Each structure stands twice: as structure tokens, then as C-alpha cells.
């Protein structure tokens, strides 16, 4: 049945090209690029993390010891786990970004100039401005929360343990690797200065000073370099963990 559906989709794609010139494939119908609406070229793309798992398992097999291999497998199994008393946000998925601060709704800010929006980028396009793709993306890295131009992207936490120290782990994905991003806590406590997204994508970790969570609350703010032109995209964050620092 699935094969029949696939063939029918391809037939519909051909019919749309013949009737209105819709270009749903780069190879067949000369679309500009796969990520410019060439949906037929991603028809067989997995809807889960199978490609990422395959790449990770290959890397794990090359590790020097069984202990290291087991440790790496444990990290994959517990990828989203922030630990006891911690929090995890898969930004870009509206049902899994509970701490994202929304400054305005669609009616108030339809162009998302003052509020965050969810974006999607399945891969980096190798052109004269961006480097070619490196590594395989997790599904959680194919979407992200983003803000435009000088608008900060914020996560807000409450009911924290005022006696504990916390750390932030974050994955910067998106489609603007050369544009730098800065992370601060509350009223300007810098957790890291402006930096470019690491390539290939990976988790970065930063310790939050105790005084930033002493009140039991915390606001994390990401900002782009001021005065950014172009399309305004730089603040693009895919995953965030807020975890207690274990002694």
C-alpha cells in the first residue's frame, strides 16, 4: 500500500508540472533546490533519527574501550534527560517549548518582529556564504525557535532550587552558522560572549552563577549582534537543558 501511495504522489507531481509548471523535484523538474519546495526529492527521507543513530553507532564502534562505548550509548539513551530537578525544551516544537517567552501573539505581531517564531532547516545549503553540510542532523536540530534582528530570544524558569547551582546545555542549529549569538542570564550576566555556531552541531555547556538563580527564578536571553541586516536570522536555538550541577 505504501508503494502505491508513493507512485501516486509521483504521478501527481508530474501532473502538476505539466499543468501549471510546479517544480517539485530538482532533477526531474529543475527546481532551484531541495529546500525550495522540491518535496518529491525528500519523499523517502526518514521521519525519525535513524540517519543520526547510524552515524553515532559508527562513531561508537571506533571508540577504544567498552567503557567508552557504554558511556556513549548511555548519553544517546538519555539524550533529553535533564536530570533530577532539571528542565528540557525542544525548541521549534510548539508542544515542547514550555519555557519559551512569547512577547506577542500572531494578531499582535504577525511578522514576528517582536516575538519568537518556529523555524525549520533540514540541512545547510553549500553556497558561497555558508560552509557545506557537516554530519547528520537529529530531528530536534531540524527545527528551532528564532527571533529576528535585535529581538532577544528568551526562556524563563520558575520554582528553581535556590540552594542549587545550575548549568545550561544548548544546541545552536538553524541556517546561519556565521552569524554570532550571545547568551546572558537575567539582567545581563554573561554566560558566553558572541560566538559562531560550532560545526558540526553539538551541545555546548555553561555554568550559571549561583546569584542568577538565588531567587528561585531564571531568565535566559539570546541575542544577535546589534544592527544585523539581511534576513535578520541569527538567534536560532534548537535544544536547551537546564540541569542541577551535581557535587
Protein backbone atom coordinates (compact mmCIF):
# COMPACT_ATOMS: atom_id res chain seq x y z
CA UNK A 1 0.00 0.00 0.00
CA UNK A 2 2.79 2.45 0.88
CA UNK A 3 4.43 1.79 -2.50
CA UNK A 4 1.12 2.54 -4.25
CA UNK A 5 0.82 5.84 -2.38
CA UNK A 6 4.39 6.74 -3.33
CA UNK A 7 3.73 6.10 -7.01
CA UNK A 8 0.51 8.12 -6.84
CA UNK A 9 2.39 11.06 -5.28
CA UNK A 10 4.95 10.93 -8.09
CA UNK A 11 2.12 10.87 -10.64
CA UNK A 12 0.54 13.91 -9.01
CA UNK A 13 3.91 15.70 -9.09
CA UNK A 14 4.22 15.03 -12.81
CA UNK A 15 0.66 16.22 -13.41
CA UNK A 16 1.27 19.45 -11.52
CA UNK A 17 4.41 20.12 -13.56
CA UNK A 18 2.58 19.51 -16.83
CA UNK A 19 -0.49 21.55 -15.90
CA UNK A 20 0.92 24.57 -14.04
CA UNK A 21 4.70 24.14 -14.17
CA UNK A 22 5.08 23.31 -10.46
CA UNK A 23 8.68 22.20 -9.89
CA UNK A 24 8.64 19.62 -7.11
CA UNK A 25 11.99 17.99 -7.97
CA UNK A 26 15.43 19.35 -8.75
CA UNK A 27 16.42 16.52 -11.08
CA UNK A 28 13.08 15.93 -12.80
CA UNK A 29 11.59 19.40 -12.95
CA UNK A 30 14.57 21.75 -12.44
CA UNK A 31 13.55 23.14 -9.06
CA UNK A 32 16.07 25.60 -7.60
CA UNK A 33 16.97 23.43 -4.59
CA UNK A 34 15.60 20.63 -2.45
CA UNK A 35 14.80 23.05 0.37
CA UNK A 36 12.91 25.36 -2.03
CA UNK A 37 9.80 23.25 -2.30
CA UNK A 38 11.18 20.17 -4.08
CA UNK A 39 9.07 17.88 -1.92
CA UNK A 40 9.38 14.86 -4.22
CA UNK A 41 13.15 14.73 -3.57
CA UNK A 42 12.57 14.12 0.15
CA UNK A 43 9.75 11.64 -0.29
CA UNK A 44 11.84 8.80 1.17
CA UNK A 45 13.53 10.86 3.89
CA UNK A 46 13.21 9.19 7.33
CA UNK A 47 10.83 10.84 9.79
CA UNK A 48 12.90 9.71 12.76
CA UNK A 49 16.53 9.83 13.88
CA UNK A 50 17.66 6.70 12.02
CA UNK A 51 20.39 8.51 9.98
CA UNK A 52 21.76 10.18 13.12
CA UNK A 53 21.73 6.89 15.06
CA UNK A 54 23.56 5.18 12.21
CA UNK A 55 26.27 7.84 12.22
CA UNK A 56 26.57 7.73 16.02
CA UNK A 57 26.81 3.93 16.14
CA UNK A 58 29.61 4.03 13.58
CA UNK A 59 31.47 6.53 15.76
CA UNK A 60 30.86 4.47 18.90
CA UNK A 61 32.24 1.29 17.28
CA UNK A 62 35.54 3.11 16.74
CA UNK A 63 35.98 4.03 20.41
CA UNK A 64 38.93 2.43 22.19
CA UNK A 65 37.20 0.68 25.09
CA UNK A 66 33.93 -0.95 26.07
CA UNK A 67 33.57 1.52 28.92
CA UNK A 68 33.66 4.45 26.50
CA UNK A 69 31.21 2.72 24.18
CA UNK A 70 28.75 2.10 27.01
CA UNK A 71 29.10 5.70 28.16
CA UNK A 72 28.34 6.98 24.65
CA UNK A 73 25.30 4.69 24.35
CA UNK A 74 24.03 5.91 27.71
CA UNK A 75 24.25 9.52 26.50
CA UNK A 76 22.14 8.66 23.47
CA UNK A 77 19.54 6.79 25.53
CA UNK A 78 19.20 9.67 27.97
CA UNK A 79 19.68 12.46 25.43
CA UNK A 80 16.69 14.53 26.55
CA UNK A 81 17.02 13.80 30.27
CA UNK A 82 17.99 16.98 32.20
CA UNK A 83 18.42 15.07 35.47
CA UNK A 84 16.52 15.42 38.72
CA UNK A 85 15.15 18.92 39.17
CA UNK A 86 16.10 19.88 35.61
CA UNK A 87 14.23 21.06 32.51
CA UNK A 88 14.40 20.29 28.80
CA UNK A 89 12.99 22.27 25.87
CA UNK A 90 12.96 21.01 22.28
CA UNK A 91 12.62 24.43 20.68
CA UNK A 92 10.85 24.56 17.35
CA UNK A 93 8.13 22.14 18.50
CA UNK A 94 5.24 24.15 19.93
CA UNK A 95 4.24 21.39 22.36
CA UNK A 96 7.77 21.02 23.77
CA UNK A 97 8.95 24.58 24.42
CA UNK A 98 7.18 25.28 27.70
CA UNK A 99 9.72 27.88 28.88
CA UNK A 100 9.81 29.95 25.71
CA UNK A 101 8.75 33.56 26.36
CA UNK A 102 6.16 34.72 23.85
CA UNK A 103 6.01 38.50 23.81
CA UNK A 104 3.02 38.76 21.49
CA UNK A 105 0.52 36.57 19.67
CA UNK A 106 0.05 36.37 15.91
CA UNK A 107 -2.65 39.03 15.83
CA UNK A 108 -0.39 41.47 17.68
CA UNK A 109 2.82 40.65 15.79
CA UNK A 110 2.10 38.76 12.53
CA UNK A 111 5.62 39.34 11.17
CA UNK A 112 7.35 38.05 14.36
CA UNK A 113 9.37 41.25 14.71
CA UNK A 114 8.94 41.39 18.49
CA UNK A 115 8.27 37.76 19.36
CA UNK A 116 9.75 34.31 18.68
CA UNK A 117 8.70 32.03 15.89
CA UNK A 118 9.50 28.43 14.99
CA UNK A 119 11.80 27.83 12.03
CA UNK A 120 12.96 24.79 10.08
CA UNK A 121 16.19 23.88 8.32
CA UNK A 122 16.85 20.29 7.30
CA UNK A 123 20.36 21.00 6.09
CA UNK A 124 22.81 23.76 5.29
CA UNK A 125 22.93 24.78 1.65
CA UNK A 126 26.54 24.79 0.41
CA UNK A 127 26.91 28.18 -1.25
CA UNK A 128 29.47 30.96 -1.31
CA UNK A 129 28.36 32.29 2.08
CA UNK A 130 27.86 29.09 4.07
CA UNK A 131 30.07 26.02 4.52
CA UNK A 132 28.90 22.65 3.20
CA UNK A 133 26.90 20.36 5.50
CA UNK A 134 28.83 18.54 8.22
CA UNK A 135 27.46 15.48 9.94
CA UNK A 136 23.87 14.34 10.17
CA UNK A 137 21.20 16.33 11.95
CA UNK A 138 18.97 14.98 14.66
CA UNK A 139 15.27 15.62 14.11
CA UNK A 140 15.46 18.02 17.06
CA UNK A 141 18.09 20.05 15.12
CA UNK A 142 15.91 20.44 12.04
CA UNK A 143 13.68 22.92 13.82
CA UNK A 144 14.38 25.76 16.20
CA UNK A 145 12.94 28.80 17.91
CA UNK A 146 14.23 32.05 16.49
CA UNK A 147 13.90 35.80 16.78
CA UNK A 148 14.73 38.40 14.18
CA UNK A 149 17.16 41.32 14.21
CA UNK A 150 17.54 42.90 17.69
CA UNK A 151 14.74 40.95 19.39
CA UNK A 152 16.03 38.67 22.15
CA UNK A 153 15.05 35.02 22.37
CA UNK A 154 14.18 34.17 25.98
CA UNK A 155 13.42 31.17 28.16
CA UNK A 156 12.03 31.76 31.65
CA UNK A 157 12.13 29.32 34.58
CA UNK A 158 10.48 29.46 38.00
CA UNK A 159 10.38 27.29 41.11
CA UNK A 160 14.10 26.56 40.94
CA UNK A 161 16.10 25.31 43.92
CA UNK A 162 17.58 28.50 45.35
CA UNK A 163 20.29 26.49 47.10
CA UNK A 164 21.47 24.64 44.00
CA UNK A 165 23.75 25.62 41.17
CA UNK A 166 22.62 25.07 37.60
CA UNK A 167 24.21 24.62 34.20
CA UNK A 168 22.86 25.26 30.72
CA UNK A 169 23.40 22.93 27.79
CA UNK A 170 22.37 24.22 24.40
CA UNK A 171 22.43 23.27 20.73
CA UNK A 172 22.65 26.07 18.19
CA UNK A 173 21.41 24.84 14.81
CA UNK A 174 19.44 26.72 12.17
CA UNK A 175 20.75 28.09 8.90
CA UNK A 176 23.06 30.97 9.84
CA UNK A 177 26.34 29.46 11.11
CA UNK A 178 28.47 32.55 10.57
CA UNK A 179 26.20 34.88 12.49
CA UNK A 180 27.19 35.11 16.12
CA UNK A 181 24.98 34.71 19.16
CA UNK A 182 25.35 35.69 22.84
CA UNK A 183 23.79 34.18 25.97
CA UNK A 184 23.04 36.09 29.17
CA UNK A 185 21.13 35.36 32.37
CA UNK A 186 18.62 37.73 33.97
CA UNK A 187 19.80 41.35 33.74
CA UNK A 188 22.95 40.87 31.70
CA UNK A 189 25.02 38.19 33.47
CA UNK A 190 27.06 36.87 30.55
CA UNK A 191 27.15 33.10 30.18
CA UNK A 192 29.05 33.30 26.93
CA UNK A 193 30.06 36.19 24.64
CA UNK A 194 29.17 36.41 20.96
CA UNK A 195 30.23 33.20 19.22
CA UNK A 196 29.59 31.40 15.96
CA UNK A 197 27.68 28.13 15.97
CA UNK A 198 30.07 25.19 16.17
CA UNK A 199 30.21 22.97 13.13
CA UNK A 200 29.23 20.20 13.13
CA UNK A 201 26.44 20.96 15.59
CA UNK A 202 26.99 19.78 19.14
CA UNK A 203 25.92 20.51 22.69
CA UNK A 204 27.65 23.36 24.49
CA UNK A 205 27.62 23.70 28.27
CA UNK A 206 27.84 26.76 30.53
CA UNK A 207 27.64 27.06 34.32
CA UNK A 208 25.09 29.55 35.67
CA UNK A 209 26.40 31.68 38.57
CA UNK A 210 24.60 30.94 41.82
CA UNK A 211 23.42 34.52 42.24
CA UNK A 212 21.45 34.22 38.99
CA UNK A 213 19.13 31.57 40.48
CA UNK A 214 19.18 32.63 44.14
CA UNK A 215 15.64 33.99 43.82
CA UNK A 216 14.32 30.66 42.52
CA UNK A 217 13.79 32.08 39.03
CA UNK A 218 15.92 32.49 35.93
CA UNK A 219 15.60 34.14 32.52
CA UNK A 220 17.96 33.11 29.74
CA UNK A 221 18.33 35.56 26.84
CA UNK A 222 19.98 35.00 23.47
CA UNK A 223 20.81 37.99 21.32
CA UNK A 224 22.26 38.59 17.88
CA UNK A 225 24.89 41.19 17.12
CA UNK A 226 23.19 44.61 17.13
CA UNK A 227 22.25 46.16 13.83
CA UNK A 228 22.11 42.88 11.95
CA UNK A 229 20.94 43.31 8.38
CA UNK A 230 19.87 40.85 5.73
CA UNK A 231 17.07 38.50 6.73
CA UNK A 232 17.70 39.15 10.44
CA UNK A 233 18.14 35.50 11.34
CA UNK A 234 20.83 34.71 13.90
CA UNK A 235 19.14 33.80 17.19
CA UNK A 236 18.28 30.19 16.36
CA UNK A 237 18.24 27.72 19.24
CA UNK A 238 17.21 24.06 18.88
CA UNK A 239 17.59 22.42 22.30
CA UNK A 240 18.11 23.68 25.85
CA UNK A 241 18.72 21.77 29.08
CA UNK A 242 18.76 23.47 32.48
CA UNK A 243 20.24 20.99 34.95
CA UNK A 244 21.47 20.98 38.51
CA UNK A 245 25.23 20.78 38.92
CA UNK A 246 25.96 17.56 40.76
CA UNK A 247 28.61 17.70 43.51
